[in-house]
Each structure stands twice: as C-alpha cells, then as structure tokens.
Amino acid sequence: MLVEKYIRYMHSPRIPVVLVHGWNSHPGIWNRLCRRLDSAEIPYSKFDHSGMQDSSLEEIAEALGDYIRHTRSTTNYPGPVDIVCHSVGTCIARYYLEAGSGADRQENVRHLIGIGSPNNGSALAELFFNPEHGPRIIERLNGVFVPQGFDPQTDLLVQGVRPASRTMQELRSAGIRNDITYHMIVTANPYSIPAFFPLFDGKTWESSEDGTYFMTKNGDGIVSHRESALPGVTLDILPAEKDDTMDLIPVDHYCHINLLKNPRVIERILEYLTG
C-alpha cells in the first residue's frame, strides 16, 4: 500500500488530496469521491479519526498534522496538498493550519475545501446542552446523526464546536490564512421540501445574535449558512430543486449526512481540485 501511495504521489500530474471526515463518521464517506479522484488521476489519502472519540478537537487536529507529515515522509512528497473536509473535519483542519502547530505556515496547502462546515460553531451542538430542546433533539437524531447512547457532557469534540467554546474563539482570533484558497460548499432548501431532512421538516436550527433559536431554509439540516461563513470567502450554495427530475438527485442527498453522495457536490469538489 505504501509503495502504491508513493507511486501515486510522485508520478501523478495532480496535486494530492488529504480527506478529513467529520464527527461520528468514518473514511467510508469518501468512497464515491475517491472513485472520481481515481478517474482523474488525483492521488489521495484518508485521515481516519474515528477511533479518537474521547479526544478533543485540538488533539485530533494535531493528529491530522502528524498524519500529513507521516504521509509526506513515506511518499517523499514535499509539495503542496489540497485538503477536503466534511462537517467538523473542516474545523479540525482549520485548527491545525490556523491555530495549532501548522499555523507557522510550514504546511504547504493550496486549497482547503469544506463541505457543510460549522466554521463559527454549531447551534445544534449548543442545543444538545439546552435543557428545553436538547433531550428531544437528541432523541430525534438518535441513530441517524448522533450515536446510540450519545451524551454531550462526555463528548469533547461536540463541546469544542459549541459557538462560545475556547476552540471556536481561538479559530476566530487566528483567522484564515492568506496563503490558502478556501472554498466552502453548502446546500439549501429554498422550497422548504420536508423530505430534504424529514427529522427537522426540511429545515436547520440556527441561533440569532441575541441567543434565541429558530429554524431556517438556509442550511443542510444540520449546519446553517451562517455557521459556515468565513470572512472574505464566498459560500458556494447548491440548492435542492423543487423538481429534481432534471438532475435525478434525491432531495435528501442535499442534507448534511448525505452530501458526499450528491453528484453535484462531488462535481464541484472536482472543479476546484482540477482548477
């Protein structure tokens, strides 16, 4: 496997990609994208943090840095990489590059592509701790988005993406790097189609500046556009169609948990990677 990776990294005409999955997820979410990367002769490696459930976002970010350095060492590849992330995976990569050991700009990154990324923290993560809404929301998402027996009080990664957490404050203070091109791909449900994400009737929880919560069409069922927004970075919004017969894409493939099954999302990622 290492020999194959070495050959792909050293002899491909394309810049290699590091794939970072999100919370309560696994590298298998990249399978459809990886088939396209293979076809485009883009080398890739998958960072797997599914075995770090008891770790903080900061610890996983440092593990990502170790992984990238190890991959560079084993493949003898010193050049730029692209990083593609889903959900909280973007926060993990950003923390490493902007606030962690990669903030010294020694890590050569061309594109950072985030899909459904809670860059400003997650209103849903905050709601998990809300005595009024939390238990009901966790019960509704049980086995679909949150794992069986989920307890936010013991989940360090969820605590790290609460909007007021120390981790999110450090990211806001650090700011994005001007030597990296950022792309944030999000989806929306402009026609309020319930099947988009039936558990929330097709909408997404969002918090206002005064701390109240409401539901919006401008999100993917889990992450709102406001949470994904970064200063100076235009959101790349892919709206679900009212009549999806044109693209033949199921409307629920525009929701957060199915974004990497959506061919429009995958095509947009490929557009950025091939430039």
C-alpha atoms as a PDB file:
ATOM      1  CA  MET A   1       0.000   0.000   0.000  1.00  0.00           C
ATOM      2  CA  LEU A   2       2.795   2.437   0.864  1.00  0.00           C
ATOM      3  CA  VAL A   3       4.524   1.637  -2.422  1.00  0.00           C
ATOM      4  CA  GLU A   4       1.298   2.343  -4.354  1.00  0.00           C
ATOM      5  CA  LYS A   5       0.833   5.617  -2.459  1.00  0.00           C
ATOM      6  CA  TYR A   6       4.446   6.590  -3.163  1.00  0.00           C
ATOM      7  CA  ILE A   7       3.952   5.992  -6.881  1.00  0.00           C
ATOM      8  CA  ARG A   8       0.677   7.930  -6.953  1.00  0.00           C
ATOM      9  CA  TYR A   9       2.123  10.907  -5.092  1.00  0.00           C
ATOM     10  CA  MET A  10       5.361  11.131  -7.061  1.00  0.00           C
ATOM     11  CA  HIS A  11       4.115  10.459 -10.581  1.00  0.00           C
ATOM     12  CA  SER A  12       0.624  11.971 -10.738  1.00  0.00           C
ATOM     13  CA  PRO A  13       0.280  15.263 -12.641  1.00  0.00           C
ATOM     14  CA  ARG A  14      -2.241  16.321  -9.994  1.00  0.00           C
ATOM     15  CA  ILE A  15      -1.777  17.758  -6.524  1.00  0.00           C
ATOM     16  CA  PRO A  16      -2.530  15.114  -3.858  1.00  0.00           C
ATOM     17  CA  VAL A  17      -5.562  15.401  -1.618  1.00  0.00           C
ATOM     18  CA  VAL A  18      -5.996  14.710   2.104  1.00  0.00           C
ATOM     19  CA  LEU A  19      -9.573  13.755   3.064  1.00  0.00           C
ATOM     20  CA  VAL A  20     -10.855  14.531   6.573  1.00  0.00           C
ATOM     21  CA  HIS A  21     -14.227  13.178   7.722  1.00  0.00           C
ATOM     22  CA  GLY A  22     -16.448  14.709  10.394  1.00  0.00           C
ATOM     23  CA  TRP A  23     -17.876  13.817  13.790  1.00  0.00           C
ATOM     24  CA  ASN A  24     -19.448  10.383  14.332  1.00  0.00           C
ATOM     25  CA  SER A  25     -18.304   9.454  10.836  1.00  0.00           C
ATOM     26  CA  HIS A  26     -15.634   7.391   9.063  1.00  0.00           C
ATOM     27  CA  PRO A  27     -13.460   7.406   5.918  1.00  0.00           C
ATOM     28  CA  GLY A  28     -16.055   5.364   4.020  1.00  0.00           C
ATOM     29  CA  ILE A  29     -17.995   8.549   3.307  1.00  0.00           C
ATOM     30  CA  TRP A  30     -15.363   9.379   0.685  1.00  0.00           C
ATOM     31  CA  ASN A  31     -15.906   6.241  -1.424  1.00  0.00           C
ATOM     32  CA  ARG A  32     -17.846   7.946  -4.235  1.00  0.00           C
ATOM     33  CA  LEU A  33     -15.476  10.890  -4.346  1.00  0.00           C
ATOM     34  CA  CYS A  34     -12.475   8.546  -4.350  1.00  0.00           C
ATOM     35  CA  ARG A  35     -13.755   6.803  -7.474  1.00  0.00           C
ATOM     36  CA  ARG A  36     -13.797  10.197  -9.202  1.00  0.00           C
ATOM     37  CA  LEU A  37     -10.347  11.039  -7.868  1.00  0.00           C
ATOM     38  CA  ASP A  38      -9.034   7.766  -9.259  1.00  0.00           C
ATOM     39  CA  SER A  39     -10.551   8.544 -12.655  1.00  0.00           C
ATOM     40  CA  ALA A  40      -8.964  11.999 -12.614  1.00  0.00           C
ATOM     41  CA  GLU A  41      -5.603  10.523 -11.521  1.00  0.00           C
ATOM     42  CA  ILE A  42      -5.624  12.616  -8.354  1.00  0.00           C
ATOM     43  CA  PRO A  43      -3.727  10.882  -5.540  1.00  0.00           C
ATOM     44  CA  TYR A  44      -5.376  10.952  -2.129  1.00  0.00           C
ATOM     45  CA  SER A  45      -5.074   9.722   1.423  1.00  0.00           C
ATOM     46  CA  LYS A  46      -7.800   9.450   4.071  1.00  0.00           C
ATOM     47  CA  PHE A  47      -7.244  10.684   7.613  1.00  0.00           C
ATOM     48  CA  ASP A  48      -9.211   8.427   9.958  1.00  0.00           C
ATOM     49  CA  HIS A  49     -10.027   9.805  13.405  1.00  0.00           C
ATOM     50  CA  SER A  50     -12.997   7.517  14.027  1.00  0.00           C
ATOM     51  CA  GLY A  51     -11.027   5.823  16.809  1.00  0.00           C
ATOM     52  CA  MET A  52     -10.476   9.101  18.689  1.00  0.00           C
ATOM     53  CA  GLN A  53     -13.971   9.526  20.162  1.00  0.00           C
ATOM     54  CA  ASP A  54     -12.567  10.514  23.549  1.00  0.00           C
ATOM     55  CA  SER A  55     -10.270  13.189  22.114  1.00  0.00           C
ATOM     56  CA  SER A  56     -10.711  16.939  21.853  1.00  0.00           C
ATOM     57  CA  LEU A  57     -10.795  18.843  18.569  1.00  0.00           C
ATOM     58  CA  GLU A  58      -7.331  20.192  19.338  1.00  0.00           C
ATOM     59  CA  GLU A  59      -5.921  16.690  19.870  1.00  0.00           C
ATOM     60  CA  ILE A  60      -7.465  15.418  16.622  1.00  0.00           C
ATOM     61  CA  ALA A  61      -6.076  18.465  14.791  1.00  0.00           C
ATOM     62  CA  GLU A  62      -2.562  17.650  15.984  1.00  0.00           C
ATOM     63  CA  ALA A  63      -3.084  14.030  14.929  1.00  0.00           C
ATOM     64  CA  LEU A  64      -4.014  15.326  11.465  1.00  0.00           C
ATOM     65  CA  GLY A  65      -0.748  17.259  11.349  1.00  0.00           C
ATOM     66  CA  ASP A  66       1.181  14.134  12.338  1.00  0.00           C
ATOM     67  CA  TYR A  67      -0.665  12.187   9.648  1.00  0.00           C
ATOM     68  CA  ILE A  68       0.185  14.704   6.905  1.00  0.00           C
ATOM     69  CA  ARG A  69       3.831  14.801   7.964  1.00  0.00           C
ATOM     70  CA  HIS A  70       3.982  10.999   8.055  1.00  0.00           C
ATOM     71  CA  THR A  71       2.386  10.754   4.606  1.00  0.00           C
ATOM     72  CA  ARG A  72       4.890  13.253   3.229  1.00  0.00           C
ATOM     73  CA  SER A  73       7.715  11.269   4.770  1.00  0.00           C
ATOM     74  CA  THR A  74       6.599   7.863   3.496  1.00  0.00           C
ATOM     75  CA  THR A  75       5.872   9.166  -0.009  1.00  0.00           C
ATOM     76  CA  ASN A  76       8.838  11.553  -0.130  1.00  0.00           C
ATOM     77  CA  TYR A  77       6.454  14.257  -1.361  1.00  0.00           C
ATOM     78  CA  PRO A  78       7.403  17.839  -0.349  1.00  0.00           C
ATOM     79  CA  GLY A  79       4.947  19.787  -2.493  1.00  0.00           C
ATOM     80  CA  PRO A  80       1.525  21.373  -1.912  1.00  0.00           C
ATOM     81  CA  VAL A  81      -1.546  19.375  -0.918  1.00  0.00           C
ATOM     82  CA  ASP A  82      -5.263  20.051  -1.083  1.00  0.00           C
ATOM     83  CA  ILE A  83      -7.424  19.235   1.948  1.00  0.00           C
ATOM     84  CA  VAL A  84     -11.095  18.267   1.523  1.00  0.00           C
ATOM     85  CA  CYS A  85     -13.203  18.075   4.673  1.00  0.00           C
ATOM     86  CA  HIS A  86     -16.739  17.227   5.662  1.00  0.00           C
ATOM     87  CA  SER A  87     -18.517  18.955   8.537  1.00  0.00           C
ATOM     88  CA  VAL A  88     -16.416  19.225  11.715  1.00  0.00           C
ATOM     89  CA  GLY A  89     -13.498  17.839   9.711  1.00  0.00           C
ATOM     90  CA  THR A  90     -13.106  21.389   8.393  1.00  0.00           C
ATOM     91  CA  CYS A  91     -12.765  22.765  11.928  1.00  0.00           C
ATOM     92  CA  ILE A  92     -10.169  20.082  12.648  1.00  0.00           C
ATOM     93  CA  ALA A  93      -8.125  21.003   9.572  1.00  0.00           C
ATOM     94  CA  ARG A  94      -8.514  24.729  10.182  1.00  0.00           C
ATOM     95  CA  TYR A  95      -7.422  24.413  13.802  1.00  0.00           C
ATOM     96  CA  TYR A  96      -4.259  22.583  12.751  1.00  0.00           C
ATOM     97  CA  LEU A  97      -3.475  25.081   9.975  1.00  0.00           C
ATOM     98  CA  GLU A  98      -4.549  28.315  11.670  1.00  0.00           C
ATOM     99  CA  ALA A  99      -4.196  27.890  15.429  1.00  0.00           C
ATOM    100  CA  GLY A 100      -2.186  24.708  16.011  1.00  0.00           C
ATOM    101  CA  SER A 101       1.280  23.579  15.030  1.00  0.00           C
ATOM    102  CA  GLY A 102       0.551  24.190  11.352  1.00  0.00           C
ATOM    103  CA  ALA A 103      -0.058  27.891  11.931  1.00  0.00           C
ATOM    104  CA  ASP A 104       3.642  28.557  11.304  1.00  0.00           C
ATOM    105  CA  ARG A 105       2.737  28.213   7.603  1.00  0.00           C
ATOM    106  CA  GLN A 106       5.249  25.429   7.093  1.00  0.00           C
ATOM    107  CA  GLU A 107       2.421  23.161   5.925  1.00  0.00           C
ATOM    108  CA  ASN A 108       2.111  23.734   2.173  1.00  0.00           C
ATOM    109  CA  VAL A 109      -1.618  23.753   1.388  1.00  0.00           C
ATOM    110  CA  ARG A 110      -3.149  25.023  -1.855  1.00  0.00           C
ATOM    111  CA  HIS A 111      -6.925  24.545  -1.375  1.00  0.00           C
ATOM    112  CA  LEU A 112      -8.964  23.886   1.767  1.00  0.00           C
ATOM    113  CA  ILE A 113     -12.421  22.695   0.699  1.00  0.00           C
ATOM    114  CA  GLY A 114     -15.107  22.388   3.362  1.00  0.00           C
ATOM    115  CA  ILE A 115     -18.489  20.707   2.835  1.00  0.00           C
ATOM    116  CA  GLY A 116     -21.226  21.609   5.334  1.00  0.00           C
ATOM    117  CA  SER A 117     -18.726  23.119   7.748  1.00  0.00           C
ATOM    118  CA  PRO A 118     -19.648  24.671  11.150  1.00  0.00           C
ATOM    119  CA  ASN A 119     -16.802  27.196  10.952  1.00  0.00           C
ATOM    120  CA  ASN A 120     -18.397  29.525  13.503  1.00  0.00           C
ATOM    121  CA  GLY A 121     -19.564  26.797  15.820  1.00  0.00           C
ATOM    122  CA  SER A 122     -22.725  24.723  15.728  1.00  0.00           C
ATOM    123  CA  ALA A 123     -26.100  25.873  17.029  1.00  0.00           C
ATOM    124  CA  LEU A 124     -27.120  22.215  17.111  1.00  0.00           C
ATOM    125  CA  ALA A 125     -24.139  21.357  19.311  1.00  0.00           C
ATOM    126  CA  GLU A 126     -25.238  24.127  21.675  1.00  0.00           C
ATOM    127  CA  LEU A 127     -28.823  22.885  21.602  1.00  0.00           C
ATOM    128  CA  PHE A 128     -27.660  19.449  22.742  1.00  0.00           C
ATOM    129  CA  PHE A 129     -26.918  21.095  26.098  1.00  0.00           C
ATOM    130  CA  ASN A 130     -30.185  23.048  26.217  1.00  0.00           C
ATOM    131  CA  PRO A 131     -32.460  21.633  28.947  1.00  0.00           C
ATOM    132  CA  GLU A 132     -35.586  22.506  26.970  1.00  0.00           C
ATOM    133  CA  HIS A 133     -34.640  21.376  23.459  1.00  0.00           C
ATOM    134  CA  GLY A 134     -31.661  19.070  23.972  1.00  0.00           C
ATOM    135  CA  PRO A 135     -33.234  15.779  25.082  1.00  0.00           C
ATOM    136  CA  ARG A 136     -35.942  15.963  22.407  1.00  0.00           C
ATOM    137  CA  ILE A 137     -33.473  16.771  19.613  1.00  0.00           C
ATOM    138  CA  ILE A 138     -31.025  14.058  20.686  1.00  0.00           C
ATOM    139  CA  GLU A 139     -33.842  11.509  20.802  1.00  0.00           C
ATOM    140  CA  ARG A 140     -34.997  12.523  17.324  1.00  0.00           C
ATOM    141  CA  LEU A 141     -31.467  12.280  15.860  1.00  0.00           C
ATOM    142  CA  ASN A 142     -30.568   9.092  17.723  1.00  0.00           C
ATOM    143  CA  GLY A 143     -29.051   6.543  15.352  1.00  0.00           C
ATOM    144  CA  VAL A 144     -29.345   8.942  12.403  1.00  0.00           C
ATOM    145  CA  PHE A 145     -26.899  11.724  13.192  1.00  0.00           C
ATOM    146  CA  VAL A 146     -25.919  11.107  16.816  1.00  0.00           C
ATOM    147  CA  PRO A 147     -24.666   7.712  18.037  1.00  0.00           C
ATOM    148  CA  GLN A 148     -26.662   5.441  20.286  1.00  0.00           C
ATOM    149  CA  GLY A 149     -26.326   6.475  23.913  1.00  0.00           C
ATOM    150  CA  PHE A 150     -24.935   9.905  22.987  1.00  0.00           C
ATOM    151  CA  ASP A 151     -24.148  12.146  25.966  1.00  0.00           C
ATOM    152  CA  PRO A 152     -22.937  15.649  25.041  1.00  0.00           C
ATOM    153  CA  GLN A 153     -21.486  16.098  28.506  1.00  0.00           C
ATOM    154  CA  THR A 154     -18.819  13.476  27.767  1.00  0.00           C
ATOM    155  CA  ASP A 155     -18.165  14.287  24.090  1.00  0.00           C
ATOM    156  CA  LEU A 156     -15.137  16.590  23.854  1.00  0.00           C
ATOM    157  CA  LEU A 157     -15.420  17.088  20.095  1.00  0.00           C
ATOM    158  CA  VAL A 158     -19.039  18.276  20.334  1.00  0.00           C
ATOM    159  CA  GLN A 159     -18.070  20.573  23.196  1.00  0.00           C
ATOM    160  CA  GLY A 160     -15.313  22.007  21.017  1.00  0.00           C
ATOM    161  CA  VAL A 161     -17.736  23.153  18.305  1.00  0.00           C
ATOM    162  CA  ARG A 162     -20.099  24.991  20.647  1.00  0.00           C
ATOM    163  CA  PRO A 163     -20.027  28.607  19.362  1.00  0.00           C
ATOM    164  CA  ALA A 164     -18.657  30.046  22.610  1.00  0.00           C
ATOM    165  CA  SER A 165     -16.076  27.314  23.209  1.00  0.00           C
ATOM    166  CA  ARG A 166     -12.408  28.126  23.672  1.00  0.00           C
ATOM    167  CA  THR A 167     -11.662  26.238  20.457  1.00  0.00           C
ATOM    168  CA  MET A 168     -14.032  28.370  18.371  1.00  0.00           C
ATOM    169  CA  GLN A 169     -12.713  31.521  19.997  1.00  0.00           C
ATOM    170  CA  GLU A 170      -9.158  30.546  19.067  1.00  0.00           C
ATOM    171  CA  LEU A 171     -10.194  29.944  15.457  1.00  0.00           C
ATOM    172  CA  ARG A 172     -11.944  33.310  15.264  1.00  0.00           C
ATOM    173  CA  SER A 173      -8.905  35.047  16.725  1.00  0.00           C
ATOM    174  CA  ALA A 174      -6.460  33.261  14.406  1.00  0.00           C
ATOM    175  CA  GLY A 175      -8.385  33.993  11.215  1.00  0.00           C
ATOM    176  CA  ILE A 176      -7.924  32.269   7.886  1.00  0.00           C
ATOM    177  CA  ARG A 177      -4.540  32.073   6.155  1.00  0.00           C
ATOM    178  CA  ASN A 178      -3.959  34.280   3.134  1.00  0.00           C
ATOM    179  CA  ASP A 179      -1.673  31.675   1.553  1.00  0.00           C
ATOM    180  CA  ILE A 180      -4.515  29.129   1.303  1.00  0.00           C
ATOM    181  CA  THR A 181      -7.531  29.320  -1.019  1.00  0.00           C
ATOM    182  CA  TYR A 182     -10.701  28.426   0.901  1.00  0.00           C
ATOM    183  CA  HIS A 183     -13.874  27.004  -0.666  1.00  0.00           C
ATOM    184  CA  MET A 184     -16.995  26.373   1.401  1.00  0.00           C
ATOM    185  CA  ILE A 185     -19.646  24.209  -0.280  1.00  0.00           C
ATOM    186  CA  VAL A 186     -23.098  24.281   1.325  1.00  0.00           C
ATOM    187  CA  THR A 187     -26.634  23.307   0.363  1.00  0.00           C
ATOM    188  CA  ALA A 188     -30.023  24.893   0.951  1.00  0.00           C
ATOM    189  CA  ASN A 189     -33.702  24.004   0.861  1.00  0.00           C
ATOM    190  CA  PRO A 190     -35.283  27.147  -0.670  1.00  0.00           C
ATOM    191  CA  TYR A 191     -38.627  25.434  -1.315  1.00  0.00           C
ATOM    192  CA  SER A 192     -38.897  24.010   2.230  1.00  0.00           C
ATOM    193  CA  ILE A 193     -39.252  20.445   0.975  1.00  0.00           C
ATOM    194  CA  PRO A 194     -39.799  18.295   4.102  1.00  0.00           C
ATOM    195  CA  ALA A 195     -38.043  15.271   2.548  1.00  0.00           C
ATOM    196  CA  PHE A 196     -34.814  17.324   2.426  1.00  0.00           C
ATOM    197  CA  PHE A 197     -34.314  16.349   6.094  1.00  0.00           C
ATOM    198  CA  PRO A 198     -37.569  14.927   7.495  1.00  0.00           C
ATOM    199  CA  LEU A 199     -36.431  14.901  11.133  1.00  0.00           C
ATOM    200  CA  PHE A 200     -36.489  18.721  11.130  1.00  0.00           C
ATOM    201  CA  ASP A 201     -39.210  19.089   8.491  1.00  0.00           C
ATOM    202  CA  GLY A 202     -36.635  20.154   5.903  1.00  0.00           C
ATOM    203  CA  LYS A 203     -35.109  22.979   7.933  1.00  0.00           C
ATOM    204  CA  THR A 204     -31.995  23.713  10.010  1.00  0.00           C
ATOM    205  CA  TRP A 205     -31.596  25.034  13.533  1.00  0.00           C
ATOM    206  CA  GLU A 206     -29.833  28.379  13.773  1.00  0.00           C
ATOM    207  CA  SER A 207     -29.114  30.796  16.605  1.00  0.00           C
ATOM    208  CA  SER A 208     -29.544  34.552  16.386  1.00  0.00           C
ATOM    209  CA  GLU A 209     -27.234  37.161  17.844  1.00  0.00           C
ATOM    210  CA  ASP A 210     -29.490  37.542  20.886  1.00  0.00           C
ATOM    211  CA  GLY A 211     -29.143  33.830  21.675  1.00  0.00           C
ATOM    212  CA  THR A 212     -32.601  32.711  20.549  1.00  0.00           C
ATOM    213  CA  TYR A 213     -33.074  29.718  18.270  1.00  0.00           C
ATOM    214  CA  PHE A 214     -35.094  29.447  15.086  1.00  0.00           C
ATOM    215  CA  MET A 215     -35.270  27.239  12.001  1.00  0.00           C
ATOM    216  CA  THR A 216     -34.073  28.301   8.549  1.00  0.00           C
ATOM    217  CA  LYS A 217     -34.158  27.098   4.945  1.00  0.00           C
ATOM    218  CA  ASN A 218     -30.559  28.285   4.578  1.00  0.00           C
ATOM    219  CA  GLY A 219     -28.794  25.182   5.769  1.00  0.00           C
ATOM    220  CA  ASP A 220     -28.333  21.451   5.178  1.00  0.00           C
ATOM    221  CA  GLY A 221     -30.463  20.201   8.067  1.00  0.00           C
ATOM    222  CA  ILE A 222     -27.517  20.214  10.497  1.00  0.00           C
ATOM    223  CA  VAL A 223     -25.338  23.245   9.636  1.00  0.00           C
ATOM    224  CA  SER A 224     -26.689  26.668   8.637  1.00  0.00           C
ATOM    225  CA  HIS A 225     -25.070  29.016   6.141  1.00  0.00           C
ATOM    226  CA  ARG A 226     -24.325  31.493   8.897  1.00  0.00           C
ATOM    227  CA  GLU A 227     -22.301  28.831  10.682  1.00  0.00           C
ATOM    228  CA  SER A 228     -20.295  28.027   7.536  1.00  0.00           C
ATOM    229  CA  ALA A 229     -19.487  31.610   6.565  1.00  0.00           C
ATOM    230  CA  LEU A 230     -15.871  32.819   6.709  1.00  0.00           C
ATOM    231  CA  PRO A 231     -14.707  36.419   6.203  1.00  0.00           C
ATOM    232  CA  GLY A 232     -13.773  37.010   2.575  1.00  0.00           C
ATOM    233  CA  VAL A 233     -14.894  33.531   1.455  1.00  0.00           C
ATOM    234  CA  THR A 234     -17.978  33.260  -0.758  1.00  0.00           C
ATOM    235  CA  LEU A 235     -20.284  30.381   0.124  1.00  0.00           C
ATOM    236  CA  ASP A 236     -20.798  28.011  -2.778  1.00  0.00           C
ATOM    237  CA  ILE A 237     -24.536  27.269  -2.377  1.00  0.00           C
ATOM    238  CA  LEU A 238     -26.103  24.274  -4.118  1.00  0.00           C
ATOM    239  CA  PRO A 239     -29.883  24.495  -3.620  1.00  0.00           C
ATOM    240  CA  ALA A 240     -32.167  21.493  -3.666  1.00  0.00           C
ATOM    241  CA  GLU A 241     -34.529  21.664  -6.626  1.00  0.00           C
ATOM    242  CA  LYS A 242     -38.299  21.704  -6.247  1.00  0.00           C
ATOM    243  CA  ASP A 243     -38.462  19.265  -9.162  1.00  0.00           C
ATOM    244  CA  ASP A 244     -35.340  17.124  -9.067  1.00  0.00           C
ATOM    245  CA  THR A 245     -36.128  15.148 -12.229  1.00  0.00           C
ATOM    246  CA  MET A 246     -33.582  17.226 -14.174  1.00  0.00           C
ATOM    247  CA  ASP A 247     -30.606  16.009 -12.179  1.00  0.00           C
ATOM    248  CA  LEU A 248     -32.226  12.843 -10.845  1.00  0.00           C
ATOM    249  CA  ILE A 249     -30.728  13.550  -7.437  1.00  0.00           C
ATOM    250  CA  PRO A 250     -32.837  12.542  -4.419  1.00  0.00           C
ATOM    251  CA  VAL A 251     -33.680  15.670  -2.436  1.00  0.00           C
ATOM    252  CA  ASP A 252     -32.328  14.127   0.774  1.00  0.00           C
ATOM    253  CA  HIS A 253     -28.878  13.975  -0.834  1.00  0.00           C
ATOM    254  CA  TYR A 254     -28.715  17.713  -0.253  1.00  0.00           C
ATOM    255  CA  CYS A 255     -28.865  17.207   3.519  1.00  0.00           C
ATOM    256  CA  HIS A 256     -25.781  17.132   5.700  1.00  0.00           C
ATOM    257  CA  ILE A 257     -25.463  13.408   6.245  1.00  0.00           C
ATOM    258  CA  ASN A 258     -25.717  12.615   2.513  1.00  0.00           C
ATOM    259  CA  LEU A 259     -23.674  15.443   0.994  1.00  0.00           C
ATOM    260  CA  LEU A 260     -20.897  13.129  -0.188  1.00  0.00           C
ATOM    261  CA  LYS A 261     -23.473  11.060  -2.094  1.00  0.00           C
ATOM    262  CA  ASN A 262     -24.604  14.102  -4.063  1.00  0.00           C
ATOM    263  CA  PRO A 263     -23.061  14.178  -7.567  1.00  0.00           C
ATOM    264  CA  ARG A 264     -23.358  17.981  -7.719  1.00  0.00           C
ATOM    265  CA  VAL A 265     -21.240  18.284  -4.572  1.00  0.00           C
ATOM    266  CA  ILE A 266     -18.690  15.823  -5.918  1.00  0.00           C
ATOM    267  CA  GLU A 267     -18.514  17.637  -9.261  1.00  0.00           C
ATOM    268  CA  ARG A 268     -17.953  20.950  -7.513  1.00  0.00           C
ATOM    269  CA  ILE A 269     -15.107  19.464  -5.471  1.00  0.00           C
ATOM    270  CA  LEU A 270     -13.512  18.114  -8.665  1.00  0.00           C
ATOM    271  CA  GLU A 271     -13.818  21.520 -10.312  1.00  0.00           C
ATOM    272  CA  TYR A 272     -11.764  23.095  -7.540  1.00  0.00           C
ATOM    273  CA  LEU A 273      -9.199  20.303  -7.419  1.00  0.00           C
ATOM    274  CA  THR A 274      -8.589  20.329 -11.177  1.00  0.00           C
ATOM    275  CA  GLY A 275      -8.753  24.110 -11.358  1.00  0.00           C
END
